[in-house]
Amino acid sequence: MAKIPWVTQAELDAQKAEQERQRQIRTLESLLAERYAAHSRLLATDADPAEIEEVKDEIALILEELGGLYNATTT
């Protein structure tokens, strides 16, 4: 007779939380790549320094949020 693997609600919730964390990471990594590309374009075109700083600030915020997600553990 085949053994049916039982999964508790807590395990299901943890799996869903991990999937959501991974989705958020992918989204932020994509946004980060876009902001890095924008920063490079701004530097290459001698853009306004204030605009370059704004993009750098956005990059820093994304990196901070990603750091929290990378270090998060789901139980």
C-alpha atoms as a PDB file:
ATOM      1  CA  MET A   1       0.000   0.000   0.000  1.00  0.00           C
ATOM      2  CA  ALA A   2       1.325   3.434  -0.931  1.00  0.00           C
ATOM      3  CA  LYS A   3       2.121   5.792   1.866  1.00  0.00           C
ATOM      4  CA  ILE A   4       0.446   9.197   1.521  1.00  0.00           C
ATOM      5  CA  PRO A   5       2.681  12.056   2.594  1.00  0.00           C
ATOM      6  CA  TRP A   6       0.778  14.352   4.927  1.00  0.00           C
ATOM      7  CA  VAL A   7       1.608  18.007   5.041  1.00  0.00           C
ATOM      8  CA  THR A   8       0.491  20.163   7.922  1.00  0.00           C
ATOM      9  CA  GLN A   9      -1.141  23.539   7.445  1.00  0.00           C
ATOM     10  CA  ALA A  10       1.948  25.151   8.954  1.00  0.00           C
ATOM     11  CA  GLU A  11       4.128  23.454   6.329  1.00  0.00           C
ATOM     12  CA  LEU A  12       1.787  24.612   3.570  1.00  0.00           C
ATOM     13  CA  ASP A  13       1.858  28.155   4.946  1.00  0.00           C
ATOM     14  CA  ALA A  14       5.667  28.069   5.107  1.00  0.00           C
ATOM     15  CA  GLN A  15       5.832  26.885   1.494  1.00  0.00           C
ATOM     16  CA  LYS A  16       3.526  29.706   0.389  1.00  0.00           C
ATOM     17  CA  ALA A  17       5.556  32.261   2.354  1.00  0.00           C
ATOM     18  CA  GLU A  18       8.783  31.024   0.754  1.00  0.00           C
ATOM     19  CA  GLN A  19       7.241  31.169  -2.716  1.00  0.00           C
ATOM     20  CA  GLU A  20       6.126  34.753  -2.058  1.00  0.00           C
ATOM     21  CA  ARG A  21       9.600  35.683  -0.769  1.00  0.00           C
ATOM     22  CA  GLN A  22      11.172  34.220  -3.913  1.00  0.00           C
ATOM     23  CA  ARG A  23       8.696  36.145  -6.091  1.00  0.00           C
ATOM     24  CA  GLN A  24       9.562  39.390  -4.305  1.00  0.00           C
ATOM     25  CA  ILE A  25      13.272  38.703  -4.746  1.00  0.00           C
ATOM     26  CA  ARG A  26      12.849  38.113  -8.485  1.00  0.00           C
ATOM     27  CA  THR A  27      10.838  41.316  -8.839  1.00  0.00           C
ATOM     28  CA  LEU A  28      13.382  43.396  -6.935  1.00  0.00           C
ATOM     29  CA  GLU A  29      16.325  41.866  -8.793  1.00  0.00           C
ATOM     30  CA  SER A  30      14.653  42.788 -12.081  1.00  0.00           C
ATOM     31  CA  LEU A  31      14.032  46.323 -10.853  1.00  0.00           C
ATOM     32  CA  LEU A  32      17.620  46.549  -9.646  1.00  0.00           C
ATOM     33  CA  ALA A  33      18.960  45.524 -13.056  1.00  0.00           C
ATOM     34  CA  GLU A  34      16.808  48.206 -14.678  1.00  0.00           C
ATOM     35  CA  ARG A  35      18.016  50.877 -12.234  1.00  0.00           C
ATOM     36  CA  TYR A  36      21.673  49.876 -12.795  1.00  0.00           C
ATOM     37  CA  ALA A  37      21.115  50.194 -16.551  1.00  0.00           C
ATOM     38  CA  ALA A  38      19.489  53.604 -16.045  1.00  0.00           C
ATOM     39  CA  HIS A  39      22.426  54.699 -13.882  1.00  0.00           C
ATOM     40  CA  SER A  40      24.887  53.653 -16.584  1.00  0.00           C
ATOM     41  CA  ARG A  41      22.914  55.521 -19.255  1.00  0.00           C
ATOM     42  CA  LEU A  42      22.819  58.643 -17.105  1.00  0.00           C
ATOM     43  CA  LEU A  43      26.561  58.509 -16.523  1.00  0.00           C
ATOM     44  CA  ALA A  44      27.220  57.984 -20.227  1.00  0.00           C
ATOM     45  CA  THR A  45      25.117  60.995 -21.211  1.00  0.00           C
ATOM     46  CA  ASP A  46      26.451  63.474 -18.644  1.00  0.00           C
ATOM     47  CA  ALA A  47      23.027  63.759 -17.049  1.00  0.00           C
ATOM     48  CA  ASP A  48      22.129  66.129 -14.253  1.00  0.00           C
ATOM     49  CA  PRO A  49      23.962  65.103 -11.046  1.00  0.00           C
ATOM     50  CA  ALA A  50      20.713  65.320  -9.077  1.00  0.00           C
ATOM     51  CA  GLU A  51      19.116  62.775 -11.391  1.00  0.00           C
ATOM     52  CA  ILE A  52      22.110  60.458 -11.032  1.00  0.00           C
ATOM     53  CA  GLU A  53      21.906  60.745  -7.239  1.00  0.00           C
ATOM     54  CA  GLU A  54      18.188  59.952  -7.328  1.00  0.00           C
ATOM     55  CA  VAL A  55      18.864  56.714  -9.216  1.00  0.00           C
ATOM     56  CA  LYS A  56      21.703  55.856  -6.814  1.00  0.00           C
ATOM     57  CA  ASP A  57      19.309  56.367  -3.890  1.00  0.00           C
ATOM     58  CA  GLU A  58      16.761  54.074  -5.557  1.00  0.00           C
ATOM     59  CA  ILE A  59      19.461  51.441  -6.025  1.00  0.00           C
ATOM     60  CA  ALA A  60      20.426  51.691  -2.356  1.00  0.00           C
ATOM     61  CA  LEU A  61      16.803  51.225  -1.264  1.00  0.00           C
ATOM     62  CA  ILE A  62      16.357  48.191  -3.493  1.00  0.00           C
ATOM     63  CA  LEU A  63      19.598  46.665  -2.201  1.00  0.00           C
ATOM     64  CA  GLU A  64      18.474  47.223   1.385  1.00  0.00           C
ATOM     65  CA  GLU A  65      15.141  45.551   0.757  1.00  0.00           C
ATOM     66  CA  LEU A  66      16.796  42.668  -1.084  1.00  0.00           C
ATOM     67  CA  GLY A  67      19.224  42.184   1.798  1.00  0.00           C
ATOM     68  CA  GLY A  68      16.317  41.748   4.162  1.00  0.00           C
ATOM     69  CA  LEU A  69      14.672  39.220   1.868  1.00  0.00           C
ATOM     70  CA  TYR A  70      17.903  37.301   1.294  1.00  0.00           C
ATOM     71  CA  ASN A  71      18.435  37.024   5.042  1.00  0.00           C
ATOM     72  CA  ALA A  72      14.822  36.163   5.843  1.00  0.00           C
ATOM     73  CA  THR A  73      14.071  32.647   6.889  1.00  0.00           C
ATOM     74  CA  THR A  74      10.689  31.022   6.807  1.00  0.00           C
ATOM     75  CA  THR A  75       9.725  28.465   9.377  1.00  0.00           C
END
